[in-house]
Every structure is written in C-alpha cells, then in structure tokens.
N, C-alpha and C. Protein backbone atom coordinates (compact mmCIF):
# COMPACT_ATOMS: atom_id res chain seq x y z
N MET A 1 12.95 -0.30 17.93
CA MET A 1 12.10 -0.19 16.75
C MET A 1 11.68 -1.61 16.32
N PRO A 2 10.40 -1.83 16.07
CA PRO A 2 9.95 -3.16 15.68
C PRO A 2 10.46 -3.51 14.27
N ASP A 3 10.68 -4.80 14.07
CA ASP A 3 11.10 -5.27 12.76
C ASP A 3 9.96 -5.14 11.76
N ARG A 4 10.32 -4.80 10.53
CA ARG A 4 9.34 -4.72 9.45
C ARG A 4 9.20 -6.11 8.84
N PRO A 5 7.99 -6.46 8.41
CA PRO A 5 7.86 -7.73 7.68
C PRO A 5 8.59 -7.60 6.35
N SER A 6 9.15 -8.70 5.90
CA SER A 6 9.86 -8.66 4.62
C SER A 6 8.86 -8.41 3.50
N PRO A 7 9.30 -7.76 2.42
CA PRO A 7 8.40 -7.55 1.28
C PRO A 7 7.82 -8.87 0.76
N ARG A 8 8.60 -9.93 0.76
CA ARG A 8 8.11 -11.23 0.27
C ARG A 8 6.99 -11.74 1.16
N TRP A 9 7.16 -11.63 2.49
CA TRP A 9 6.10 -12.06 3.40
C TRP A 9 4.83 -11.25 3.14
N ALA A 10 4.98 -9.94 3.01
CA ALA A 10 3.83 -9.07 2.78
C ALA A 10 3.14 -9.44 1.47
N ALA A 11 3.91 -9.74 0.43
CA ALA A 11 3.33 -10.12 -0.86
C ALA A 11 2.56 -11.42 -0.74
N ASN A 12 3.14 -12.39 -0.05
CA ASN A 12 2.44 -13.67 0.12
C ASN A 12 1.15 -13.50 0.90
N PHE A 13 1.19 -12.71 1.96
CA PHE A 13 -0.02 -12.45 2.74
C PHE A 13 -1.07 -11.76 1.88
N PHE A 14 -0.65 -10.71 1.17
CA PHE A 14 -1.57 -9.95 0.33
C PHE A 14 -2.20 -10.85 -0.72
N ASN A 15 -1.38 -11.62 -1.43
CA ASN A 15 -1.89 -12.47 -2.50
C ASN A 15 -2.81 -13.56 -1.98
N THR A 16 -2.57 -14.02 -0.76
CA THR A 16 -3.40 -15.06 -0.19
C THR A 16 -4.75 -14.53 0.31
N TYR A 17 -4.73 -13.38 0.99
CA TYR A 17 -5.92 -12.91 1.68
C TYR A 17 -6.61 -11.69 1.07
N CYS A 18 -5.91 -10.91 0.25
CA CYS A 18 -6.45 -9.62 -0.15
C CYS A 18 -6.46 -9.38 -1.65
N SER A 19 -6.06 -10.33 -2.46
CA SER A 19 -5.83 -10.03 -3.86
C SER A 19 -7.08 -9.63 -4.62
N SER A 20 -8.25 -9.99 -4.15
CA SER A 20 -9.46 -9.61 -4.88
C SER A 20 -10.03 -8.27 -4.41
N MET A 21 -9.34 -7.60 -3.49
CA MET A 21 -9.82 -6.35 -2.94
C MET A 21 -9.06 -5.17 -3.55
N SER A 22 -9.79 -4.16 -3.98
CA SER A 22 -9.14 -2.95 -4.46
C SER A 22 -8.54 -2.20 -3.27
N LEU A 23 -7.37 -1.68 -3.47
CA LEU A 23 -6.70 -0.93 -2.41
C LEU A 23 -6.82 0.57 -2.59
N VAL A 24 -7.63 1.03 -3.55
CA VAL A 24 -7.80 2.47 -3.75
C VAL A 24 -8.30 3.07 -2.44
N ASN A 25 -7.66 4.15 -2.02
CA ASN A 25 -7.92 4.88 -0.77
C ASN A 25 -7.35 4.21 0.47
N ALA A 26 -6.56 3.15 0.31
CA ALA A 26 -5.89 2.54 1.46
C ALA A 26 -4.66 3.38 1.81
N THR A 27 -4.36 3.46 3.09
CA THR A 27 -3.12 4.08 3.55
C THR A 27 -2.09 2.97 3.65
N VAL A 28 -0.93 3.17 3.01
CA VAL A 28 0.07 2.12 2.94
C VAL A 28 1.46 2.65 3.22
N GLU A 29 2.33 1.75 3.63
CA GLU A 29 3.75 2.01 3.67
C GLU A 29 4.34 1.34 2.45
N PHE A 30 5.21 2.04 1.73
CA PHE A 30 5.77 1.47 0.52
C PHE A 30 7.28 1.56 0.53
N GLN A 31 7.92 0.60 -0.11
CA GLN A 31 9.37 0.53 -0.15
C GLN A 31 9.88 1.32 -1.35
N THR A 32 10.70 2.33 -1.09
CA THR A 32 11.21 3.18 -2.16
C THR A 32 12.56 2.71 -2.69
N ASP A 33 13.34 2.04 -1.84
CA ASP A 33 14.57 1.37 -2.26
C ASP A 33 14.91 0.34 -1.19
N VAL A 34 16.11 -0.19 -1.21
CA VAL A 34 16.46 -1.31 -0.33
C VAL A 34 16.19 -1.02 1.14
N ALA A 35 16.51 0.18 1.60
CA ALA A 35 16.38 0.47 3.02
C ALA A 35 15.49 1.67 3.32
N SER A 36 14.73 2.15 2.35
CA SER A 36 13.90 3.34 2.56
C SER A 36 12.42 3.03 2.34
N PHE A 37 11.59 3.67 3.16
CA PHE A 37 10.15 3.48 3.09
C PHE A 37 9.45 4.82 3.13
N GLY A 38 8.27 4.88 2.57
CA GLY A 38 7.44 6.06 2.63
C GLY A 38 6.03 5.65 3.00
N GLU A 39 5.17 6.64 3.21
CA GLU A 39 3.78 6.37 3.55
C GLU A 39 2.90 7.23 2.65
N GLY A 40 1.79 6.67 2.19
CA GLY A 40 0.91 7.42 1.32
C GLY A 40 -0.44 6.76 1.12
N LEU A 41 -1.20 7.33 0.19
CA LEU A 41 -2.55 6.89 -0.11
C LEU A 41 -2.58 6.28 -1.51
N VAL A 42 -3.16 5.10 -1.64
CA VAL A 42 -3.28 4.44 -2.95
C VAL A 42 -4.33 5.20 -3.75
N ILE A 43 -3.94 5.69 -4.94
CA ILE A 43 -4.89 6.41 -5.79
C ILE A 43 -5.28 5.60 -7.02
N SER A 44 -4.56 4.51 -7.29
CA SER A 44 -4.88 3.63 -8.40
C SER A 44 -4.36 2.24 -8.09
N HIS A 45 -5.16 1.21 -8.40
CA HIS A 45 -4.74 -0.17 -8.13
C HIS A 45 -5.32 -1.08 -9.21
N ASP A 46 -4.44 -1.77 -9.91
CA ASP A 46 -4.84 -2.78 -10.89
C ASP A 46 -4.61 -4.13 -10.23
N ASP A 47 -5.69 -4.73 -9.72
CA ASP A 47 -5.53 -5.97 -8.98
C ASP A 47 -5.17 -7.15 -9.86
N GLU A 48 -5.37 -7.06 -11.17
CA GLU A 48 -4.97 -8.15 -12.06
C GLU A 48 -3.45 -8.18 -12.26
N SER A 49 -2.86 -7.01 -12.47
CA SER A 49 -1.41 -6.95 -12.70
C SER A 49 -0.63 -6.75 -11.40
N GLY A 50 -1.30 -6.30 -10.35
CA GLY A 50 -0.64 -6.07 -9.08
C GLY A 50 0.11 -4.75 -9.00
N THR A 51 -0.19 -3.84 -9.92
CA THR A 51 0.48 -2.54 -9.89
C THR A 51 -0.42 -1.50 -9.24
N LEU A 52 0.22 -0.49 -8.67
CA LEU A 52 -0.54 0.57 -8.02
C LEU A 52 0.21 1.88 -8.09
N VAL A 53 -0.53 2.95 -7.81
CA VAL A 53 0.04 4.29 -7.73
C VAL A 53 -0.31 4.84 -6.36
N ILE A 54 0.71 5.37 -5.68
CA ILE A 54 0.55 5.91 -4.34
C ILE A 54 0.95 7.37 -4.36
N ARG A 55 0.17 8.22 -3.67
CA ARG A 55 0.52 9.63 -3.52
C ARG A 55 0.91 9.87 -2.07
N ASP A 56 2.10 10.42 -1.86
CA ASP A 56 2.54 10.68 -0.49
C ASP A 56 2.04 12.05 -0.03
N ASP A 57 2.38 12.43 1.19
CA ASP A 57 1.90 13.69 1.78
C ASP A 57 2.38 14.93 1.03
N GLU A 58 3.47 14.80 0.29
CA GLU A 58 4.00 15.92 -0.48
C GLU A 58 3.44 15.98 -1.90
N GLY A 59 2.55 15.03 -2.22
CA GLY A 59 1.94 15.00 -3.55
C GLY A 59 2.76 14.26 -4.59
N ILE A 60 3.83 13.62 -4.18
CA ILE A 60 4.67 12.86 -5.10
C ILE A 60 4.07 11.48 -5.31
N HIS A 61 4.06 11.04 -6.56
CA HIS A 61 3.49 9.73 -6.91
C HIS A 61 4.58 8.67 -6.98
N TRP A 62 4.28 7.49 -6.48
CA TRP A 62 5.15 6.32 -6.57
C TRP A 62 4.38 5.25 -7.30
N ARG A 63 4.99 4.67 -8.31
CA ARG A 63 4.37 3.58 -9.06
C ARG A 63 5.16 2.31 -8.80
N GLY A 64 4.45 1.24 -8.50
CA GLY A 64 5.16 0.00 -8.22
C GLY A 64 4.23 -1.18 -8.04
N ALA A 65 4.81 -2.24 -7.52
CA ALA A 65 4.10 -3.50 -7.33
C ALA A 65 3.56 -3.61 -5.91
N GLU A 66 2.43 -4.30 -5.78
CA GLU A 66 1.80 -4.44 -4.47
C GLU A 66 2.65 -5.28 -3.52
N ASP A 67 3.65 -6.00 -4.02
CA ASP A 67 4.51 -6.75 -3.10
C ASP A 67 5.56 -5.88 -2.43
N HIS A 68 5.53 -4.56 -2.68
CA HIS A 68 6.44 -3.63 -2.03
C HIS A 68 5.70 -2.69 -1.08
N ILE A 69 4.51 -3.12 -0.64
CA ILE A 69 3.73 -2.30 0.29
C ILE A 69 3.30 -3.10 1.51
N VAL A 70 2.98 -2.38 2.56
CA VAL A 70 2.32 -2.94 3.73
C VAL A 70 1.11 -2.04 3.99
N VAL A 71 -0.06 -2.63 4.05
CA VAL A 71 -1.28 -1.85 4.28
C VAL A 71 -1.34 -1.44 5.75
N ILE A 72 -1.50 -0.14 5.98
CA ILE A 72 -1.65 0.39 7.32
C ILE A 72 -3.13 0.49 7.69
N LEU A 73 -3.92 0.96 6.73
CA LEU A 73 -5.35 1.15 6.96
C LEU A 73 -6.10 0.84 5.67
N TYR A 74 -6.96 -0.15 5.69
CA TYR A 74 -7.75 -0.51 4.52
C TYR A 74 -8.83 0.53 4.26
N PRO A 75 -9.31 0.65 3.01
CA PRO A 75 -10.32 1.67 2.68
C PRO A 75 -11.56 1.60 3.57
N ASP A 76 -12.01 0.39 3.89
CA ASP A 76 -13.22 0.26 4.70
C ASP A 76 -12.98 0.57 6.17
N GLU A 77 -11.73 0.79 6.56
CA GLU A 77 -11.41 1.16 7.93
C GLU A 77 -11.24 2.67 8.11
N GLN A 78 -11.29 3.41 7.00
CA GLN A 78 -11.13 4.85 7.06
C GLN A 78 -12.29 5.47 7.84
N VAL A 79 -11.99 6.46 8.62
CA VAL A 79 -13.01 7.16 9.41
C VAL A 79 -13.44 8.40 8.65
N ALA A 80 -14.74 8.53 8.45
CA ALA A 80 -15.27 9.72 7.77
C ALA A 80 -15.39 10.86 8.78
N HIS A 81 -14.98 12.04 8.36
CA HIS A 81 -15.08 13.22 9.21
C HIS A 81 -16.09 14.21 8.62
N ALA A 82 -16.84 14.80 9.48
CA ALA A 82 -17.84 15.79 9.02
C ALA A 82 -17.13 17.06 8.57
N GLY A 83 -17.67 17.66 7.53
CA GLY A 83 -17.35 18.91 7.04
C GLY A 83 -16.14 19.52 6.78
C-alpha cells in the first residue's frame, strides 16, 4: 500500500498552490481521526477560513479544515455524463 502524504504536507501544498481555488464539487479524501480516512464530495468551501463540508457516499457530512484533506479530483477535472 502506498504511503499517504502527511496532513501537514498536504496543507502546505494546498496553501501554496490552490488556496485561491474553490473546492466545491471536488472529490477528496479526508482524515476522520488519527488513522482513519474517508472519501467524499466537497459541498461547501470557505477559502478564507479554510473550512469545508464534505458529503460521503452514505450522505454523512464531515466538517473540518482543508489541511485534513487530499484532493483526488478537482472540480474542473470532473467528467460530465449525458443524461
């Protein structure tokens, strides 16, 4: 299994390269506790405060800081499907 980037590394990368971009509709992996992760869709992102809300596949919402996520797919990379 590949190593995960540390949350601090991810936060530094995000703040350096992506902080002015809204992450609404991005698919992300998020840290739920010290050793647990989930995957979901960003439904709200306040880029000034760095807080966001993520909805997982079961419809459960997670609220937290952007330094606890890793972006899997940015909104502009999403593929649109017909119908």
